[in-house]
PDB file of N, CA and C in Angstrom:
ATOM      1  N   UNK A   1     118.153 127.737 140.312  1.00  0.00           N
ATOM      2  CA  UNK A   1     116.776 126.592 140.485  1.00  0.00           C
ATOM      3  C   UNK A   1     116.022 127.139 139.686  1.00  0.00           C
ATOM      4  N   UNK A   2     115.269 125.622 138.835  1.00  0.00           N
ATOM      5  CA  UNK A   2     114.048 125.739 137.578  1.00  0.00           C
ATOM      6  C   UNK A   2     112.766 126.121 138.236  1.00  0.00           C
ATOM      7  N   UNK A   3     112.180 126.588 138.392  1.00  0.00           N
ATOM      8  CA  UNK A   3     110.775 126.371 138.810  1.00  0.00           C
ATOM      9  C   UNK A   3     109.650 126.283 137.339  1.00  0.00           C
ATOM     10  N   UNK A   4     110.421 125.797 136.449  1.00  0.00           N
ATOM     11  CA  UNK A   4     109.030 125.620 135.144  1.00  0.00           C
ATOM     12  C   UNK A   4     108.598 124.135 135.418  1.00  0.00           C
ATOM     13  N   UNK A   5     107.287 124.147 134.893  1.00  0.00           N
ATOM     14  CA  UNK A   5     106.648 122.774 135.200  1.00  0.00           C
ATOM     15  C   UNK A   5     107.608 121.866 133.611  1.00  0.00           C
ATOM     16  N   UNK A   6     107.226 120.839 133.553  1.00  0.00           N
ATOM     17  CA  UNK A   6     108.273 119.794 132.549  1.00  0.00           C
ATOM     18  C   UNK A   6     107.406 120.511 130.699  1.00  0.00           C
ATOM     19  N   UNK A   7     105.966 120.409 131.185  1.00  0.00           N
ATOM     20  CA  UNK A   7     105.532 121.414 129.967  1.00  0.00           C
ATOM     21  C   UNK A   7     105.893 122.492 129.254  1.00  0.00           C
ATOM     22  N   UNK A   8     106.088 123.120 130.542  1.00  0.00           N
ATOM     23  CA  UNK A   8     106.751 124.652 130.289  1.00  0.00           C
ATOM     24  C   UNK A   8     108.059 124.509 129.156  1.00  0.00           C
ATOM     25  N   UNK A   9     108.961 123.703 130.101  1.00  0.00           N
ATOM     26  CA  UNK A   9     110.306 123.338 129.212  1.00  0.00           C
ATOM     27  C   UNK A   9     110.121 122.257 127.663  1.00  0.00           C
ATOM     28  N   UNK A  10     109.150 121.588 127.328  1.00  0.00           N
ATOM     29  CA  UNK A  10     108.972 120.805 126.339  1.00  0.00           C
ATOM     30  C   UNK A  10     108.233 121.984 125.044  1.00  0.00           C
ATOM     31  N   UNK A  11     107.460 122.974 125.283  1.00  0.00           N
ATOM     32  CA  UNK A  11     106.886 123.624 124.654  1.00  0.00           C
ATOM     33  C   UNK A  11     108.153 124.459 123.421  1.00  0.00           C
ATOM     34  N   UNK A  12     107.528 124.374 122.263  1.00  0.00           N
ATOM     35  CA  UNK A  12     108.862 124.730 121.292  1.00  0.00           C
ATOM     36  C   UNK A  12     109.250 123.917 120.950  1.00  0.00           C
ATOM     37  N   UNK A  13     109.333 122.816 121.481  1.00  0.00           N
ATOM     38  CA  UNK A  13     110.539 121.549 121.176  1.00  0.00           C
ATOM     39  C   UNK A  13     109.836 120.820 119.742  1.00  0.00           C
ATOM     40  N   UNK A  14     108.736 120.893 119.693  1.00  0.00           N
ATOM     41  CA  UNK A  14     107.772 119.566 118.580  1.00  0.00           C
ATOM     42  C   UNK A  14     107.175 118.802 119.219  1.00  0.00           C
ATOM     43  N   UNK A  15     106.105 118.871 118.563  1.00  0.00           N
ATOM     44  CA  UNK A  15     105.494 118.150 118.942  1.00  0.00           C
ATOM     45  C   UNK A  15     105.304 116.290 118.689  1.00  0.00           C
ATOM     46  N   UNK A  16     105.053 115.329 119.698  1.00  0.00           N
ATOM     47  CA  UNK A  16     104.759 114.014 118.920  1.00  0.00           C
ATOM     48  C   UNK A  16     104.125 113.485 117.641  1.00  0.00           C
ATOM     49  N   UNK A  17     102.956 114.474 117.736  1.00  0.00           N
ATOM     50  CA  UNK A  17     101.877 114.071 116.752  1.00  0.00           C
ATOM     51  C   UNK A  17     102.839 114.208 115.450  1.00  0.00           C
ATOM     52  N   UNK A  18     103.930 115.116 115.155  1.00  0.00           N
ATOM     53  CA  UNK A  18     103.757 115.592 114.180  1.00  0.00           C
ATOM     54  C   UNK A  18     104.616 114.720 113.230  1.00  0.00           C
ATOM     55  N   UNK A  19     105.504 113.626 113.974  1.00  0.00           N
ATOM     56  CA  UNK A  19     106.540 112.687 113.030  1.00  0.00           C
ATOM     57  C   UNK A  19     105.858 111.588 113.407  1.00  0.00           C
ATOM     58  N   UNK A  20     104.392 111.231 114.170  1.00  0.00           N
ATOM     59  CA  UNK A  20     103.814 109.865 113.981  1.00  0.00           C
ATOM     60  C   UNK A  20     103.140 109.721 112.797  1.00  0.00           C
ATOM     61  N   UNK A  21     103.091 110.737 111.826  1.00  0.00           N
ATOM     62  CA  UNK A  21     102.607 110.423 110.342  1.00  0.00           C
ATOM     63  C   UNK A  21     103.411 109.955 109.323  1.00  0.00           C
ATOM     64  N   UNK A  22     104.660 111.117 109.847  1.00  0.00           N
ATOM     65  CA  UNK A  22     105.915 110.318 109.080  1.00  0.00           C
ATOM     66  C   UNK A  22     106.677 109.237 109.009  1.00  0.00           C
ATOM     67  N   UNK A  23     106.512 108.662 110.855  1.00  0.00           N
ATOM     68  CA  UNK A  23     106.409 107.470 110.920  1.00  0.00           C
ATOM     69  C   UNK A  23     106.054 105.974 109.841  1.00  0.00           C
ATOM     70  N   UNK A  24     104.538 106.409 110.086  1.00  0.00           N
ATOM     71  CA  UNK A  24     103.457 105.360 110.082  1.00  0.00           C
ATOM     72  C   UNK A  24     103.382 105.554 108.221  1.00  0.00           C
ATOM     73  N   UNK A  25     103.567 106.612 107.574  1.00  0.00           N
ATOM     74  CA  UNK A  25     103.551 106.524 105.943  1.00  0.00           C
ATOM     75  C   UNK A  25     105.014 106.017 105.297  1.00  0.00           C
ATOM     76  N   UNK A  26     106.400 105.777 106.193  1.00  0.00           N
ATOM     77  CA  UNK A  26     107.380 104.615 106.295  1.00  0.00           C
ATOM     78  C   UNK A  26     106.750 103.740 106.044  1.00  0.00           C
ATOM     79  N   UNK A  27     106.011 103.242 106.946  1.00  0.00           N
ATOM     80  CA  UNK A  27     106.249 101.585 107.332  1.00  0.00           C
ATOM     81  C   UNK A  27     104.660 101.301 106.539  1.00  0.00           C
ATOM     82  N   UNK A  28     103.874 101.994 105.754  1.00  0.00           N
ATOM     83  CA  UNK A  28     102.867 102.182 104.825  1.00  0.00           C
ATOM     84  C   UNK A  28     103.805 101.738 103.472  1.00  0.00           C
ATOM     85  N   UNK A  29     104.307 102.491 102.909  1.00  0.00           N
ATOM     86  CA  UNK A  29     105.022 102.592 102.317  1.00  0.00           C
ATOM     87  C   UNK A  29     106.092 101.483 101.977  1.00  0.00           C
ATOM     88  N   UNK A  30     106.518 101.095 102.915  1.00  0.00           N
ATOM     89  CA  UNK A  30     107.538  99.935 102.776  1.00  0.00           C
ATOM     90  C   UNK A  30     106.535  98.585 102.642  1.00  0.00           C
ATOM     91  N   UNK A  31     105.684  98.292 103.180  1.00  0.00           N
ATOM     92  CA  UNK A  31     104.966  97.256 103.563  1.00  0.00           C
ATOM     93  C   UNK A  31     104.313  97.026 101.912  1.00  0.00           C
ATOM     94  N   UNK A  32     103.752  98.276 101.425  1.00  0.00           N
ATOM     95  CA  UNK A  32     103.614  98.413  99.893  1.00  0.00           C
ATOM     96  C   UNK A  32     104.717  97.739  99.138  1.00  0.00           C
ATOM     97  N   UNK A  33     105.874  98.176  99.328  1.00  0.00           N
ATOM     98  CA  UNK A  33     106.812  97.519  98.577  1.00  0.00           C
ATOM     99  C   UNK A  33     106.757  96.441  98.350  1.00  0.00           C
ATOM    100  N   UNK A  34     106.620  95.562  99.482  1.00  0.00           N
ATOM    101  CA  UNK A  34     107.404  93.935  99.026  1.00  0.00           C
ATOM    102  C   UNK A  34     106.515  93.362  98.082  1.00  0.00           C
ATOM    103  N   UNK A  35     104.891  93.398  97.986  1.00  0.00           N
ATOM    104  CA  UNK A  35     104.466  92.440  96.979  1.00  0.00           C
ATOM    105  C   UNK A  35     104.950  93.169  95.755  1.00  0.00           C
ATOM    106  N   UNK A  36     105.079  94.360  95.998  1.00  0.00           N
ATOM    107  CA  UNK A  36     104.882  95.605  94.300  1.00  0.00           C
ATOM    108  C   UNK A  36     106.017  95.355  93.619  1.00  0.00           C
ATOM    109  N   UNK A  37     107.451  94.690  94.665  1.00  0.00           N
ATOM    110  CA  UNK A  37     108.452  94.475  94.258  1.00  0.00           C
ATOM    111  C   UNK A  37     108.625  93.369  93.427  1.00  0.00           C
ATOM    112  N   UNK A  38     107.871  92.168  93.780  1.00  0.00           N
ATOM    113  CA  UNK A  38     107.631  90.832  92.734  1.00  0.00           C
ATOM    114  C   UNK A  38     107.597  91.280  91.469  1.00  0.00           C
ATOM    115  N   UNK A  39     106.630  92.200  91.285  1.00  0.00           N
ATOM    116  CA  UNK A  39     106.541  92.917  89.559  1.00  0.00           C
ATOM    117  C   UNK A  39     107.530  93.555  89.265  1.00  0.00           C
ATOM    118  N   UNK A  40     108.324  94.215  89.693  1.00  0.00           N
ATOM    119  CA  UNK A  40     109.580  94.569  89.408  1.00  0.00           C
ATOM    120  C   UNK A  40     110.371  93.699  89.198  1.00  0.00           C
ATOM    121  N   UNK A  41     110.557  92.693  89.989  1.00  0.00           N
ATOM    122  CA  UNK A  41     111.259  91.519  89.319  1.00  0.00           C
ATOM    123  C   UNK A  41     111.380  90.786  88.488  1.00  0.00           C
ATOM    124  N   UNK A  42     109.958  90.424  88.117  1.00  0.00           N
ATOM    125  CA  UNK A  42     109.505  90.301  86.871  1.00  0.00           C
ATOM    126  C   UNK A  42     109.545  91.152  85.152  1.00  0.00           C
ATOM    127  N   UNK A  43     109.071  92.159  85.561  1.00  0.00           N
ATOM    128  CA  UNK A  43     109.842  93.249  84.665  1.00  0.00           C
ATOM    129  C   UNK A  43     111.326  93.543  84.234  1.00  0.00           C
ATOM    130  N   UNK A  44     111.993  93.262  85.728  1.00  0.00           N
ATOM    131  CA  UNK A  44     113.681  93.334  84.981  1.00  0.00           C
ATOM    132  C   UNK A  44     114.099  92.099  84.353  1.00  0.00           C
ATOM    133  N   UNK A  45     112.989  91.030  84.858  1.00  0.00           N
ATOM    134  CA  UNK A  45     113.535  89.670  84.270  1.00  0.00           C
ATOM    135  C   UNK A  45     113.160  89.739  82.677  1.00  0.00           C
ATOM    136  N   UNK A  46     112.123  90.618  82.301  1.00  0.00           N
ATOM    137  CA  UNK A  46     112.029  90.403  81.070  1.00  0.00           C
ATOM    138  C   UNK A  46     112.363  91.291  80.189  1.00  0.00           C
ATOM    139  N   UNK A  47     113.198  92.408  80.817  1.00  0.00           N
ATOM    140  CA  UNK A  47     113.794  93.322  80.222  1.00  0.00           C
ATOM    141  C   UNK A  47     115.231  92.625  79.762  1.00  0.00           C
ATOM    142  N   UNK A  48     115.501  91.844  80.257  1.00  0.00           N
ATOM    143  CA  UNK A  48     117.316  91.085  80.378  1.00  0.00           C
ATOM    144  C   UNK A  48     116.949  89.865  79.621  1.00  0.00           C
ATOM    145  N   UNK A  49     115.897  89.287  79.572  1.00  0.00           N
ATOM    146  CA  UNK A  49     116.125  87.958  78.722  1.00  0.00           C
ATOM    147  C   UNK A  49     114.326  87.833  77.804  1.00  0.00           C
ATOM    148  N   UNK A  50     114.178  88.751  77.779  1.00  0.00           N
ATOM    149  CA  UNK A  50     112.799  88.741  76.604  1.00  0.00           C
ATOM    150  C   UNK A  50     113.049  89.734  75.490  1.00  0.00           C
ATOM    151  N   UNK A  51     112.589  89.226  73.978  1.00  0.00           N
ATOM    152  CA  UNK A  51     112.357  90.269  73.422  1.00  0.00           C
ATOM    153  C   UNK A  51     111.614  91.717  73.805  1.00  0.00           C
ATOM    154  N   UNK A  52     111.736  92.911  72.962  1.00  0.00           N
ATOM    155  CA  UNK A  52     111.761  94.274  73.453  1.00  0.00           C
ATOM    156  C   UNK A  52     109.648  94.441  73.158  1.00  0.00           C
ATOM    157  N   UNK A  53     109.347  93.493  72.122  1.00  0.00           N
ATOM    158  CA  UNK A  53     107.882  93.490  72.082  1.00  0.00           C
ATOM    159  C   UNK A  53     107.467  92.781  72.861  1.00  0.00           C
ATOM    160  N   UNK A  54     107.794  91.604  73.548  1.00  0.00           N
ATOM    161  CA  UNK A  54     107.236  91.088  75.092  1.00  0.00           C
ATOM    162  C   UNK A  54     107.039  91.761  75.900  1.00  0.00           C
ATOM    163  N   UNK A  55     107.746  92.345  76.285  1.00  0.00           N
ATOM    164  CA  UNK A  55     107.947  93.093  77.564  1.00  0.00           C
ATOM    165  C   UNK A  55     107.009  94.292  77.376  1.00  0.00           C
ATOM    166  N   UNK A  56     106.954  94.823  76.223  1.00  0.00           N
ATOM    167  CA  UNK A  56     105.853  95.794  75.925  1.00  0.00           C
ATOM    168  C   UNK A  56     104.533  95.276  75.970  1.00  0.00           C
ATOM    169  N   UNK A  57     104.651  94.237  75.628  1.00  0.00           N
ATOM    170  CA  UNK A  57     103.181  93.424  76.110  1.00  0.00           C
ATOM    171  C   UNK A  57     102.917  92.971  76.984  1.00  0.00           C
ATOM    172  N   UNK A  58     103.537  92.941  78.244  1.00  0.00           N
ATOM    173  CA  UNK A  58     103.562  92.683  79.180  1.00  0.00           C
ATOM    174  C   UNK A  58     102.946  93.773  80.273  1.00  0.00           C
ATOM    175  N   UNK A  59     103.988  94.666  79.844  1.00  0.00           N
ATOM    176  CA  UNK A  59     103.314  96.103  80.118  1.00  0.00           C
ATOM    177  C   UNK A  59     102.099  96.695  79.900  1.00  0.00           C
ATOM    178  N   UNK A  60     101.643  96.160  78.815  1.00  0.00           N
ATOM    179  CA  UNK A  60     100.194  96.764  78.564  1.00  0.00           C
ATOM    180  C   UNK A  60      99.088  96.212  79.001  1.00  0.00           C
ATOM    181  N   UNK A  61      98.754  95.363  79.881  1.00  0.00           N
ATOM    182  CA  UNK A  61      98.530  94.516  80.629  1.00  0.00           C
ATOM    183  C   UNK A  61      97.956  95.397  81.586  1.00  0.00           C
ATOM    184  N   UNK A  62      96.736  95.851  81.866  1.00  0.00           N
ATOM    185  CA  UNK A  62      96.406  97.038  82.854  1.00  0.00           C
ATOM    186  C   UNK A  62      97.243  96.476  84.455  1.00  0.00           C
ATOM    187  N   UNK A  63      96.891  95.107  85.056  1.00  0.00           N
ATOM    188  CA  UNK A  63      97.677  94.765  86.422  1.00  0.00           C
ATOM    189  C   UNK A  63      98.981  95.358  86.514  1.00  0.00           C
ATOM    190  N   UNK A  64      99.839  94.822  85.548  1.00  0.00           N
ATOM    191  CA  UNK A  64     100.652  94.765  85.611  1.00  0.00           C
ATOM    192  C   UNK A  64     101.432  96.426  85.288  1.00  0.00           C
ATOM    193  N   UNK A  65     100.797  97.061  84.384  1.00  0.00           N
ATOM    194  CA  UNK A  65     101.043  98.833  84.246  1.00  0.00           C
ATOM    195  C   UNK A  65     101.199  99.215  85.455  1.00  0.00           C
ATOM    196  N   UNK A  66      99.679  99.217  86.038  1.00  0.00           N
ATOM    197  CA  UNK A  66      99.732  99.508  87.611  1.00  0.00           C
ATOM    198  C   UNK A  66     100.128  99.074  88.881  1.00  0.00           C
ATOM    199  N   UNK A  67     100.452  97.881  88.977  1.00  0.00           N
ATOM    200  CA  UNK A  67     101.728  97.919  89.950  1.00  0.00           C
ATOM    201  C   UNK A  67     102.843  98.156  89.552  1.00  0.00           C
ATOM    202  N   UNK A  68     103.187  98.393  88.314  1.00  0.00           N
ATOM    203  CA  UNK A  68     104.939  98.823  88.079  1.00  0.00           C
ATOM    204  C   UNK A  68     104.592 100.680  88.619  1.00  0.00           C
ATOM    205  N   UNK A  69     103.573 101.200  88.113  1.00  0.00           N
ATOM    206  CA  UNK A  69     103.574 102.536  88.646  1.00  0.00           C
ATOM    207  C   UNK A  69     103.404 102.851  90.124  1.00  0.00           C
ATOM    208  N   UNK A  70     102.467 101.854  90.845  1.00  0.00           N
ATOM    209  CA  UNK A  70     102.641 101.781  91.947  1.00  0.00           C
ATOM    210  C   UNK A  70     104.041 101.781  92.603  1.00  0.00           C
ATOM    211  N   UNK A  71     104.959 100.937  92.109  1.00  0.00           N
ATOM    212  CA  UNK A  71     105.880 100.625  92.699  1.00  0.00           C
ATOM    213  C   UNK A  71     106.766 102.012  92.454  1.00  0.00           C
ATOM    214  N   UNK A  72     106.987 102.362  91.471  1.00  0.00           N
ATOM    215  CA  UNK A  72     107.709 103.519  91.363  1.00  0.00           C
ATOM    216  C   UNK A  72     107.658 104.805  92.297  1.00  0.00           C
ATOM    217  N   UNK A  73     105.829 104.706  92.726  1.00  0.00           N
ATOM    218  CA  UNK A  73     105.855 106.105  93.172  1.00  0.00           C
ATOM    219  C   UNK A  73     105.865 105.679  94.668  1.00  0.00           C
ATOM    220  N   UNK A  74     105.568 104.399  95.292  1.00  0.00           N
ATOM    221  CA  UNK A  74     106.181 103.724  96.755  1.00  0.00           C
ATOM    222  C   UNK A  74     107.398 103.915  96.741  1.00  0.00           C
ATOM    223  N   UNK A  75     108.610 103.546  95.752  1.00  0.00           N
ATOM    224  CA  UNK A  75     109.468 103.498  95.663  1.00  0.00           C
ATOM    225  C   UNK A  75     110.705 104.823  95.957  1.00  0.00           C
ATOM    226  N   UNK A  76     110.009 105.714  95.166  1.00  0.00           N
ATOM    227  CA  UNK A  76     110.383 107.086  95.384  1.00  0.00           C
ATOM    228  C   UNK A  76     109.816 108.180  96.771  1.00  0.00           C
ATOM    229  N   UNK A  77     108.675 107.850  96.739  1.00  0.00           N
ATOM    230  CA  UNK A  77     107.982 108.649  98.085  1.00  0.00           C
ATOM    231  C   UNK A  77     109.116 108.007  99.405  1.00  0.00           C
ATOM    232  N   UNK A  78     108.951 106.642  99.462  1.00  0.00           N
ATOM    233  CA  UNK A  78     109.869 106.074 100.304  1.00  0.00           C
ATOM    234  C   UNK A  78     111.197 106.191 100.782  1.00  0.00           C
ATOM    235  N   UNK A  79     111.837 106.567  99.196  1.00  0.00           N
ATOM    236  CA  UNK A  79     112.909 106.979  99.620  1.00  0.00           C
ATOM    237  C   UNK A  79     113.426 108.351  99.926  1.00  0.00           C
ATOM    238  N   UNK A  80     112.376 109.486  99.511  1.00  0.00           N
ATOM    239  CA  UNK A  80     112.370 110.526 100.436  1.00  0.00           C
ATOM    240  C   UNK A  80     112.226 111.116 101.228  1.00  0.00           C
ATOM    241  N   UNK A  81     111.121 110.103 102.197  1.00  0.00           N
ATOM    242  CA  UNK A  81     111.035 109.973 103.209  1.00  0.00           C
ATOM    243  C   UNK A  81     112.051 109.351 104.131  1.00  0.00           C
ATOM    244  N   UNK A  82     112.617 108.645 103.940  1.00  0.00           N
ATOM    245  CA  UNK A  82     114.134 107.917 104.560  1.00  0.00           C
ATOM    246  C   UNK A  82     115.350 109.076 104.691  1.00  0.00           C
ATOM    247  N   UNK A  83     115.331 109.655 103.323  1.00  0.00           N
ATOM    248  CA  UNK A  83     116.363 110.650 103.116  1.00  0.00           C
ATOM    249  C   UNK A  83     116.203 112.079 103.936  1.00  0.00           C
ATOM    250  N   UNK A  84     114.985 112.320 104.351  1.00  0.00           N
ATOM    251  CA  UNK A  84     114.336 113.247 105.178  1.00  0.00           C
ATOM    252  C   UNK A  84     114.280 113.062 106.902  1.00  0.00           C
ATOM    253  N   UNK A  85     114.858 111.436 106.914  1.00  0.00           N
ATOM    254  CA  UNK A  85     114.462 111.226 108.518  1.00  0.00           C
ATOM    255  C   UNK A  85     116.326 111.730 108.569  1.00  0.00           C
ATOM    256  N   UNK A  86     117.268 110.924 107.698  1.00  0.00           N
ATOM    257  CA  UNK A  86     118.494 111.393 108.002  1.00  0.00           C
ATOM    258  C   UNK A  86     118.476 112.543 107.839  1.00  0.00           C
ATOM    259  N   UNK A  87     118.427 113.385 106.973  1.00  0.00           N
ATOM    260  CA  UNK A  87     118.736 114.964 107.101  1.00  0.00           C
ATOM    261  C   UNK A  87     118.537 115.663 108.142  1.00  0.00           C
ATOM    262  N   UNK A  88     117.036 114.978 108.986  1.00  0.00           N
ATOM    263  CA  UNK A  88     116.598 116.057 109.981  1.00  0.00           C
ATOM    264  C   UNK A  88     117.223 115.302 111.360  1.00  0.00           C
ATOM    265  N   UNK A  89     118.100 113.957 111.458  1.00  0.00           N
ATOM    266  CA  UNK A  89     118.850 113.657 112.385  1.00  0.00           C
ATOM    267  C   UNK A  89     120.559 114.404 112.487  1.00  0.00           C
ATOM    268  N   UNK A  90     120.539 114.319 111.394  1.00  0.00           N
ATOM    269  CA  UNK A  90     122.645 114.264 111.200  1.00  0.00           C
ATOM    270  C   UNK A  90     122.682 115.936 110.677  1.00  0.00           C
ATOM    271  N   UNK A  91     121.542 116.699 109.992  1.00  0.00           N
ATOM    272  CA  UNK A  91     122.091 118.169 109.931  1.00  0.00           C
ATOM    273  C   UNK A  91     121.892 118.916 111.216  1.00  0.00           C
ATOM    274  N   UNK A  92     122.619 119.803 111.370  1.00  0.00           N
ATOM    275  CA  UNK A  92     122.127 120.469 112.551  1.00  0.00           C
ATOM    276  C   UNK A  92     122.016 121.767 112.463  1.00  0.00           C
ATOM    277  N   UNK A  93     122.588 122.778 111.359  1.00  0.00           N
ATOM    278  CA  UNK A  93     121.866 124.005 110.796  1.00  0.00           C
ATOM    279  C   UNK A  93     120.776 124.012 110.286  1.00  0.00           C
ATOM    280  N   UNK A  94     119.465 124.779 110.968  1.00  0.00           N
ATOM    281  CA  UNK A  94     118.400 124.703 110.820  1.00  0.00           C
ATOM    282  C   UNK A  94     117.884 124.943 109.309  1.00  0.00           C
ATOM    283  N   UNK A  95     118.923 126.289 108.518  1.00  0.00           N
ATOM    284  CA  UNK A  95     118.771 126.286 107.404  1.00  0.00           C
ATOM    285  C   UNK A  95     119.041 125.356 106.498  1.00  0.00           C
ATOM    286  N   UNK A  96     120.109 124.660 106.415  1.00  0.00           N
ATOM    287  CA  UNK A  96     120.829 124.263 105.898  1.00  0.00           C
ATOM    288  C   UNK A  96     119.891 122.581 105.534  1.00  0.00           C
ATOM    289  N   UNK A  97     119.276 122.086 106.710  1.00  0.00           N
ATOM    290  CA  UNK A  97     118.540 121.641 106.915  1.00  0.00           C
ATOM    291  C   UNK A  97     116.955 121.354 106.190  1.00  0.00           C
ATOM    292  N   UNK A  98     116.051 122.448 105.994  1.00  0.00           N
ATOM    293  CA  UNK A  98     115.214 123.074 105.653  1.00  0.00           C
ATOM    294  C   UNK A  98     115.174 123.086 103.987  1.00  0.00           C
ATOM    295  N   UNK A  99     116.569 123.718 103.973  1.00  0.00           N
ATOM    296  CA  UNK A  99     117.186 123.596 102.084  1.00  0.00           C
ATOM    297  C   UNK A  99     117.046 122.583 101.588  1.00  0.00           C
ATOM    298  N   UNK A 100     117.934 121.403 102.655  1.00  0.00           N
ATOM    299  CA  UNK A 100     118.294 120.213 101.980  1.00  0.00           C
ATOM    300  C   UNK A 100     116.769 119.360 101.863  1.00  0.00           C
ATOM    301  N   UNK A 101     116.029 119.019 102.605  1.00  0.00           N
ATOM    302  CA  UNK A 101     114.997 118.673 102.745  1.00  0.00           C
ATOM    303  C   UNK A 101     113.793 118.990 102.151  1.00  0.00           C
ATOM    304  N   UNK A 102     113.582 120.022 101.231  1.00  0.00           N
ATOM    305  CA  UNK A 102     113.062 120.772  99.807  1.00  0.00           C
ATOM    306  C   UNK A 102     114.026 120.105  98.905  1.00  0.00           C
ATOM    307  N   UNK A 103     115.377 120.271  98.644  1.00  0.00           N
ATOM    308  CA  UNK A 103     115.779 119.905  97.559  1.00  0.00           C
ATOM    309  C   UNK A 103     115.763 118.286  97.408  1.00  0.00           C
ATOM    310  N   UNK A 104     115.737 117.493  98.622  1.00  0.00           N
ATOM    311  CA  UNK A 104     115.232 116.105  98.405  1.00  0.00           C
ATOM    312  C   UNK A 104     113.847 115.559  97.857  1.00  0.00           C
ATOM    313  N   UNK A 105     113.158 116.635  98.840  1.00  0.00           N
ATOM    314  CA  UNK A 105     111.990 116.305  98.043  1.00  0.00           C
ATOM    315  C   UNK A 105     111.218 116.742  96.037  1.00  0.00           C
ATOM    316  N   UNK A 106     112.362 117.687  96.103  1.00  0.00           N
ATOM    317  CA  UNK A 106     112.365 117.967  95.065  1.00  0.00           C
ATOM    318  C   UNK A 106     112.451 117.584  93.460  1.00  0.00           C
ATOM    319  N   UNK A 107     114.367 116.975  93.981  1.00  0.00           N
ATOM    320  CA  UNK A 107     114.796 115.745  93.103  1.00  0.00           C
ATOM    321  C   UNK A 107     113.830 114.718  93.270  1.00  0.00           C
ATOM    322  N   UNK A 108     113.660 113.613  94.238  1.00  0.00           N
ATOM    323  CA  UNK A 108     112.921 112.477  94.202  1.00  0.00           C
ATOM    324  C   UNK A 108     111.552 112.925  93.258  1.00  0.00           C
ATOM    325  N   UNK A 109     111.116 113.618  93.524  1.00  0.00           N
ATOM    326  CA  UNK A 109     109.663 113.941  92.645  1.00  0.00           C
ATOM    327  C   UNK A 109     109.547 114.402  90.960  1.00  0.00           C
ATOM    328  N   UNK A 110     110.347 115.180  90.731  1.00  0.00           N
ATOM    329  CA  UNK A 110     111.485 114.843  89.355  1.00  0.00           C
ATOM    330  C   UNK A 110     111.795 113.636  89.251  1.00  0.00           C
ATOM    331  N   UNK A 111     112.395 112.962  89.820  1.00  0.00           N
ATOM    332  CA  UNK A 111     112.865 111.484  89.568  1.00  0.00           C
ATOM    333  C   UNK A 111     111.909 110.604  89.141  1.00  0.00           C
ATOM    334  N   UNK A 112     111.008 110.788  90.048  1.00  0.00           N
ATOM    335  CA  UNK A 112     109.345 109.913  90.011  1.00  0.00           C
ATOM    336  C   UNK A 112     108.700 110.165  88.463  1.00  0.00           C
ATOM    337  N   UNK A 113     108.837 111.583  87.955  1.00  0.00           N
ATOM    338  CA  UNK A 113     107.964 111.848  87.215  1.00  0.00           C
ATOM    339  C   UNK A 113     108.958 111.396  86.090  1.00  0.00           C
ATOM    340  N   UNK A 114     109.915 111.354  86.097  1.00  0.00           N
ATOM    341  CA  UNK A 114     110.747 111.430  85.095  1.00  0.00           C
ATOM    342  C   UNK A 114     110.467 109.936  84.319  1.00  0.00           C
ATOM    343  N   UNK A 115     110.401 109.008  85.756  1.00  0.00           N
ATOM    344  CA  UNK A 115     110.373 107.211  85.405  1.00  0.00           C
ATOM    345  C   UNK A 115     109.021 106.916  84.971  1.00  0.00           C
ATOM    346  N   UNK A 116     107.907 107.704  85.676  1.00  0.00           N
ATOM    347  CA  UNK A 116     106.640 107.790  84.957  1.00  0.00           C
ATOM    348  C   UNK A 116     106.609 107.886  83.599  1.00  0.00           C
ATOM    349  N   UNK A 117     106.990 108.909  82.992  1.00  0.00           N
ATOM    350  CA  UNK A 117     106.977 109.461  81.794  1.00  0.00           C
ATOM    351  C   UNK A 117     107.722 108.038  80.724  1.00  0.00           C
ATOM    352  N   UNK A 118     108.452 108.027  81.412  1.00  0.00           N
ATOM    353  CA  UNK A 118     109.346 107.067  80.334  1.00  0.00           C
ATOM    354  C   UNK A 118     108.614 105.782  80.110  1.00  0.00           C
ATOM    355  N   UNK A 119     108.314 105.303  81.392  1.00  0.00           N
ATOM    356  CA  UNK A 119     106.888 104.160  81.679  1.00  0.00           C
ATOM    357  C   UNK A 119     106.047 104.180  80.639  1.00  0.00           C
ATOM    358  N   UNK A 120     105.007 105.324  80.625  1.00  0.00           N
ATOM    359  CA  UNK A 120     103.885 105.311  79.689  1.00  0.00           C
ATOM    360  C   UNK A 120     104.309 105.535  78.529  1.00  0.00           C
ATOM    361  N   UNK A 121     105.549 106.337  77.919  1.00  0.00           N
ATOM    362  CA  UNK A 121     105.681 106.424  76.600  1.00  0.00           C
ATOM    363  C   UNK A 121     106.389 105.214  75.947  1.00  0.00           C
ATOM    364  N   UNK A 122     106.778 104.098  77.237  1.00  0.00           N
ATOM    365  CA  UNK A 122     107.075 103.077  76.392  1.00  0.00           C
ATOM    366  C   UNK A 122     105.542 101.940  76.463  1.00  0.00           C
ATOM    367  N   UNK A 123     104.343 102.159  76.903  1.00  0.00           N
ATOM    368  CA  UNK A 123     103.408 101.623  77.196  1.00  0.00           C
ATOM    369  C   UNK A 123     102.929 101.892  75.889  1.00  0.00           C
ATOM    370  N   UNK A 124     102.678 103.529  75.836  1.00  0.00           N
ATOM    371  CA  UNK A 124     101.451 104.120  74.693  1.00  0.00           C
ATOM    372  C   UNK A 124     102.086 104.074  72.953  1.00  0.00           C
ATOM    373  N   UNK A 125     103.764 104.329  73.240  1.00  0.00           N
ATOM    374  CA  UNK A 125     104.253 104.078  71.775  1.00  0.00           C
ATOM    375  C   UNK A 125     104.961 102.921  71.373  1.00  0.00           C
ATOM    376  N   UNK A 126     105.276 101.985  72.540  1.00  0.00           N
ATOM    377  CA  UNK A 126     105.436 100.441  72.189  1.00  0.00           C
ATOM    378  C   UNK A 126     106.437 100.274  71.394  1.00  0.00           C
TER     379      UNK A 126
END
């Protein structure tokens, strides 16, 4: 017979408030990626069909470069959040789970930085 209250049973099992911001950030980044993906599609079309100088000229326009930078940041952040959820849901060992989440965040942070540096190099050096 268990005389503990439901709140006593739930203590230490986490808080519903901690996952709420994560859930919202996934939705916000997903919604942000919808209009920003149109810029990415135009950029990829230019990369495949236009001369290099025309593509660099398109990237030199501030609105276009800001939208591509925003897409890079949102896409890598959204991907890292998604993989974190998968790891938290399917990895049972707590230590492996923590290391995996750190590793995913580091890898995606590094990849986003590399993509941003490559974009800035193209824009500045042309």
